[in-house]
Amino acid sequence: MADPGDSKTERESPVTIDTTELLKVSYCDFALIHKLLKDPPGPNAKLRAAIAALPDIL
Protein backbone atom coordinates (compact mmCIF):
# COMPACT_ATOMS: atom_id res chain seq x y z
CA MET A 1 0.00 0.00 0.00
CA ALA A 2 1.29 3.47 -0.86
CA ASP A 3 2.22 5.90 1.86
CA PRO A 4 -0.56 8.52 2.11
CA GLY A 5 2.07 11.19 2.75
CA ASP A 6 3.67 10.44 -0.61
CA SER A 7 0.83 11.59 -2.85
CA LYS A 8 1.59 13.68 -5.92
CA THR A 9 -0.57 16.50 -4.53
CA GLU A 10 1.39 16.69 -1.30
CA ARG A 11 4.71 16.69 -3.14
CA GLU A 12 3.53 19.53 -5.41
CA SER A 13 1.81 21.66 -2.77
CA PRO A 14 4.97 23.54 -1.65
CA VAL A 15 5.57 24.47 -5.29
CA THR A 16 2.06 25.88 -5.55
CA ILE A 17 2.50 27.92 -2.39
CA ASP A 18 5.91 29.20 -3.50
CA THR A 19 4.60 30.37 -6.88
CA THR A 20 1.69 32.41 -5.57
CA GLU A 21 1.56 35.78 -7.27
CA LEU A 22 0.90 39.17 -5.79
CA LEU A 23 -1.02 41.46 -8.09
CA LYS A 24 -0.95 45.22 -7.86
CA VAL A 25 -4.29 46.77 -8.75
CA SER A 26 -5.63 50.28 -8.75
CA TYR A 27 -7.99 51.47 -6.05
CA CYS A 28 -10.90 51.31 -8.54
CA ASP A 29 -10.06 47.72 -9.50
CA PHE A 30 -9.68 46.76 -5.84
CA ALA A 31 -13.07 48.29 -5.05
CA LEU A 32 -14.68 46.30 -7.89
CA ILE A 33 -13.01 43.04 -6.81
CA HIS A 34 -14.08 43.65 -3.21
CA LYS A 35 -17.67 44.38 -4.29
CA LEU A 36 -17.84 41.22 -6.41
CA LEU A 37 -16.43 39.07 -3.60
CA LYS A 38 -18.75 40.62 -1.02
CA ASP A 39 -21.87 40.44 -3.20
CA PRO A 40 -21.29 38.11 -6.17
CA PRO A 41 -23.69 38.15 -9.09
CA GLY A 42 -26.14 35.29 -9.46
CA PRO A 43 -25.45 32.35 -11.75
CA ASN A 44 -26.03 32.91 -15.46
CA ALA A 45 -27.79 30.44 -17.78
CA LYS A 46 -24.56 28.65 -18.73
CA LEU A 47 -23.62 28.05 -15.08
CA ARG A 48 -27.15 26.87 -14.22
CA ALA A 49 -26.98 24.38 -17.12
CA ALA A 50 -23.61 23.09 -15.92
CA ILE A 51 -24.97 22.63 -12.39
CA ALA A 52 -28.03 20.79 -13.73
CA ALA A 53 -25.71 18.44 -15.66
CA LEU A 54 -23.80 17.40 -12.52
CA PRO A 55 -24.44 13.88 -11.22
CA ASP A 56 -26.77 13.58 -8.23
CA ILE A 57 -23.95 12.05 -6.13
CA LEU A 58 -22.35 15.45 -5.60
C-alpha atoms as a PDB file:
ATOM      1  CA  MET A   1       0.000   0.000   0.000  1.00  0.00           C
ATOM      2  CA  ALA A   2       1.290   3.467  -0.858  1.00  0.00           C
ATOM      3  CA  ASP A   3       2.223   5.904   1.864  1.00  0.00           C
ATOM      4  CA  PRO A   4      -0.557   8.523   2.113  1.00  0.00           C
ATOM      5  CA  GLY A   5       2.066  11.193   2.747  1.00  0.00           C
ATOM      6  CA  ASP A   6       3.669  10.436  -0.610  1.00  0.00           C
ATOM      7  CA  SER A   7       0.834  11.587  -2.850  1.00  0.00           C
ATOM      8  CA  LYS A   8       1.591  13.683  -5.916  1.00  0.00           C
ATOM      9  CA  THR A   9      -0.566  16.499  -4.534  1.00  0.00           C
ATOM     10  CA  GLU A  10       1.392  16.691  -1.296  1.00  0.00           C
ATOM     11  CA  ARG A  11       4.714  16.691  -3.140  1.00  0.00           C
ATOM     12  CA  GLU A  12       3.535  19.532  -5.412  1.00  0.00           C
ATOM     13  CA  SER A  13       1.809  21.662  -2.769  1.00  0.00           C
ATOM     14  CA  PRO A  14       4.971  23.538  -1.652  1.00  0.00           C
ATOM     15  CA  VAL A  15       5.573  24.473  -5.291  1.00  0.00           C
ATOM     16  CA  THR A  16       2.058  25.882  -5.552  1.00  0.00           C
ATOM     17  CA  ILE A  17       2.501  27.919  -2.386  1.00  0.00           C
ATOM     18  CA  ASP A  18       5.907  29.200  -3.499  1.00  0.00           C
ATOM     19  CA  THR A  19       4.597  30.366  -6.877  1.00  0.00           C
ATOM     20  CA  THR A  20       1.686  32.412  -5.572  1.00  0.00           C
ATOM     21  CA  GLU A  21       1.556  35.780  -7.267  1.00  0.00           C
ATOM     22  CA  LEU A  22       0.904  39.168  -5.789  1.00  0.00           C
ATOM     23  CA  LEU A  23      -1.025  41.460  -8.085  1.00  0.00           C
ATOM     24  CA  LYS A  24      -0.948  45.218  -7.862  1.00  0.00           C
ATOM     25  CA  VAL A  25      -4.292  46.767  -8.749  1.00  0.00           C
ATOM     26  CA  SER A  26      -5.628  50.284  -8.753  1.00  0.00           C
ATOM     27  CA  TYR A  27      -7.990  51.467  -6.052  1.00  0.00           C
ATOM     28  CA  CYS A  28     -10.898  51.315  -8.538  1.00  0.00           C
ATOM     29  CA  ASP A  29     -10.057  47.725  -9.497  1.00  0.00           C
ATOM     30  CA  PHE A  30      -9.678  46.761  -5.840  1.00  0.00           C
ATOM     31  CA  ALA A  31     -13.067  48.288  -5.052  1.00  0.00           C
ATOM     32  CA  LEU A  32     -14.677  46.302  -7.889  1.00  0.00           C
ATOM     33  CA  ILE A  33     -13.009  43.043  -6.812  1.00  0.00           C
ATOM     34  CA  HIS A  34     -14.082  43.653  -3.215  1.00  0.00           C
ATOM     35  CA  LYS A  35     -17.672  44.383  -4.293  1.00  0.00           C
ATOM     36  CA  LEU A  36     -17.836  41.217  -6.405  1.00  0.00           C
ATOM     37  CA  LEU A  37     -16.432  39.071  -3.597  1.00  0.00           C
ATOM     38  CA  LYS A  38     -18.749  40.621  -1.021  1.00  0.00           C
ATOM     39  CA  ASP A  39     -21.872  40.435  -3.199  1.00  0.00           C
ATOM     40  CA  PRO A  40     -21.286  38.109  -6.167  1.00  0.00           C
ATOM     41  CA  PRO A  41     -23.695  38.148  -9.090  1.00  0.00           C
ATOM     42  CA  GLY A  42     -26.145  35.289  -9.456  1.00  0.00           C
ATOM     43  CA  PRO A  43     -25.449  32.355 -11.750  1.00  0.00           C
ATOM     44  CA  ASN A  44     -26.032  32.914 -15.464  1.00  0.00           C
ATOM     45  CA  ALA A  45     -27.789  30.439 -17.782  1.00  0.00           C
ATOM     46  CA  LYS A  46     -24.556  28.654 -18.728  1.00  0.00           C
ATOM     47  CA  LEU A  47     -23.618  28.046 -15.080  1.00  0.00           C
ATOM     48  CA  ARG A  48     -27.150  26.872 -14.218  1.00  0.00           C
ATOM     49  CA  ALA A  49     -26.983  24.380 -17.125  1.00  0.00           C
ATOM     50  CA  ALA A  50     -23.606  23.094 -15.923  1.00  0.00           C
ATOM     51  CA  ILE A  51     -24.972  22.634 -12.391  1.00  0.00           C
ATOM     52  CA  ALA A  52     -28.025  20.787 -13.730  1.00  0.00           C
ATOM     53  CA  ALA A  53     -25.710  18.437 -15.665  1.00  0.00           C
ATOM     54  CA  LEU A  54     -23.801  17.396 -12.520  1.00  0.00           C
ATOM     55  CA  PRO A  55     -24.443  13.878 -11.222  1.00  0.00           C
ATOM     56  CA  ASP A  56     -26.766  13.576  -8.231  1.00  0.00           C
ATOM     57  CA  ILE A  57     -23.951  12.051  -6.129  1.00  0.00           C
ATOM     58  CA  LEU A  58     -22.347  15.452  -5.602  1.00  0.00           C
END
